[in-house]
Protein backbone atom coordinates (compact mmCIF):
# COMPACT_ATOMS: atom_id res chain seq x y z
CA MET A 1 102.68 170.24 77.38
CA SER A 2 101.35 169.79 73.86
CA GLU A 3 98.11 168.00 73.06
CA GLU A 4 100.11 165.29 71.29
CA ALA A 5 102.23 164.61 74.38
CA GLU A 6 99.14 164.48 76.57
CA PHE A 7 97.51 161.99 74.20
CA ASP A 8 100.54 159.72 74.26
CA THR A 9 100.34 159.28 78.04
CA GLN A 10 96.59 158.67 78.14
CA GLY A 11 95.39 155.11 78.43
CA VAL A 12 98.65 153.52 79.56
CA VAL A 13 97.81 150.54 81.75
CA LYS A 14 100.47 149.02 83.96
CA LYS A 15 100.34 145.64 85.67
CA PHE A 16 100.61 146.18 89.43
CA LEU A 17 101.11 143.44 92.00
CA PHE A 18 100.62 144.34 95.64
CA LEU A 19 102.45 141.75 97.72
CA ASN A 20 101.12 141.65 101.29
CA ARG A 21 103.62 140.06 103.68
CA LYS A 22 102.77 141.62 107.06
CA ALA A 23 100.20 140.74 109.70
CA PRO A 24 97.17 143.03 109.54
CA TYR A 25 97.74 144.85 112.82
CA GLY A 26 100.74 146.12 114.77
CA THR A 27 102.17 148.12 111.86
CA ILE A 28 100.69 150.40 109.22
CA TYR A 29 101.88 148.30 106.27
CA ALA A 30 98.70 146.30 105.67
CA LEU A 31 96.38 149.28 105.74
CA GLU A 32 98.70 151.38 103.57
CA ILE A 33 98.94 148.62 100.96
CA LEU A 34 95.14 148.29 100.92
CA GLU A 35 94.78 152.05 100.42
CA SER A 36 97.37 151.91 97.61
CA VAL A 37 95.43 149.11 95.92
CA LEU A 38 92.29 151.24 95.92
CA ILE A 39 94.15 154.28 94.57
CA ALA A 40 95.72 152.28 91.73
CA ALA A 41 92.31 150.83 90.88
CA ALA A 42 90.86 154.34 90.67
CA PHE A 43 93.38 154.99 87.89
CA GLU A 44 92.16 151.86 86.08
CA GLN A 45 95.39 149.91 86.31
CA ASP A 46 95.66 146.12 86.04
CA ILE A 47 95.74 145.13 89.71
CA SER A 48 96.71 141.84 91.34
CA VAL A 49 96.98 141.32 95.10
CA ALA A 50 98.91 138.47 96.70
CA PHE A 51 99.04 137.44 100.34
CA VAL A 52 102.15 135.65 101.60
CA ASP A 53 103.83 134.99 104.94
CA ASP A 54 101.80 136.61 107.77
CA GLY A 55 99.97 138.66 105.13
CA VAL A 56 97.53 135.75 104.79
CA PHE A 57 96.01 136.88 108.10
CA GLN A 58 94.88 140.16 106.48
CA ILE A 59 91.98 138.36 104.81
CA LYS A 60 91.19 135.82 107.52
CA LYS A 61 87.55 135.67 108.62
CA GLY A 62 86.59 136.54 112.19
CA GLN A 63 89.18 139.17 113.03
CA ASP A 64 88.62 140.77 116.44
CA THR A 65 90.66 143.92 116.96
CA LYS A 66 89.28 145.05 120.33
CA GLU A 67 92.33 143.76 122.20
CA VAL A 68 94.76 145.73 120.00
CA GLY A 69 92.65 148.90 120.05
CA MET A 70 92.54 149.27 116.26
CA LYS A 71 89.69 149.44 113.80
CA ASN A 72 89.09 146.22 111.88
CA PHE A 73 89.64 147.16 108.24
CA SER A 74 89.41 143.60 106.87
CA PRO A 75 85.81 144.05 105.57
CA THR A 76 87.23 146.54 103.06
CA TYR A 77 88.71 143.61 101.14
CA ARG A 78 85.15 142.61 100.20
CA ALA A 79 84.83 145.94 98.36
CA LEU A 80 87.69 145.15 95.99
CA ALA A 81 85.37 143.44 93.50
CA GLY A 82 83.51 146.74 93.17
CA TYR A 83 86.76 148.24 91.90
CA ASP A 84 87.21 145.38 89.40
CA ILE A 85 90.00 143.90 91.52
CA GLU A 86 89.41 140.20 91.18
CA LYS A 87 92.94 138.80 90.92
CA LEU A 88 93.56 137.84 94.54
CA TYR A 89 96.17 135.20 95.32
CA VAL A 90 97.31 133.37 98.44
CA GLU A 91 100.60 131.51 98.51
CA ARG A 92 99.82 127.90 99.37
CA GLU A 93 102.94 127.38 101.49
CA SER A 94 102.20 130.45 103.65
CA MET A 95 98.58 129.43 104.10
CA GLU A 96 99.40 125.87 105.08
CA ALA A 97 102.25 126.87 107.41
CA ARG A 98 99.74 128.96 109.37
CA GLY A 99 97.10 126.24 109.52
CA LEU A 100 94.68 128.05 107.22
CA LYS A 101 92.43 126.74 104.45
CA GLU A 102 90.89 128.50 101.48
CA ASP A 103 87.53 128.61 103.33
CA ASP A 104 89.12 130.70 106.10
CA PHE A 105 89.30 133.82 103.91
CA LEU A 106 86.87 136.74 103.63
CA VAL A 107 87.20 136.92 99.86
CA LYS A 108 87.54 134.44 97.04
CA VAL A 109 91.22 133.83 96.33
CA GLN A 110 93.25 131.69 94.01
CA VAL A 111 95.70 129.56 95.96
CA ILE A 112 99.02 129.30 94.13
CA GLY A 113 102.35 127.69 94.91
CA ARG A 114 105.63 129.50 95.43
CA ASP A 115 106.75 128.82 91.85
CA GLU A 116 103.51 130.21 90.43
CA LEU A 117 103.91 133.29 92.62
CA ALA A 118 107.42 133.82 91.25
CA SER A 119 106.03 133.70 87.71
CA LEU A 120 103.26 136.13 88.65
CA ILE A 121 105.83 138.55 90.07
CA ASP A 122 107.96 138.30 86.93
CA ALA A 123 104.95 139.17 84.73
CA GLN A 124 104.30 142.54 86.47
CA ASP A 125 105.38 146.05 85.52
CA VAL A 126 105.30 147.20 89.16
CA VAL A 127 105.56 145.17 92.41
CA ILE A 128 104.82 146.88 95.70
CA THR A 129 105.47 144.98 98.92
CA GLY A 130 104.40 145.73 102.42
């Protein structure tokens, strides 16, 4: 590969949205999405993370995983700010349907409606769901 070709690919920043739809435990989806978020951040991409449906439980305070025999990985969400990942969204309808409030979350989130979420999705280069 020539130096010119290498230069052309340097510095390209894509807008990634990680759309978390699954409950935090019982499948590997939530943990894999979290790991993908951290990997994308290491490559200095423009990262947004949204929590919808049962995905809102991934960032709920007070998770106790002893009964399911899995390690509680929810504290890792607090580390996202250290990776400059500050665009965290919760879909209002999903939150309310599950009886949650903004204060129930481990991290600071922006609560947005379904229409705002659709606009956010449309504005991305890459959307990864899990």
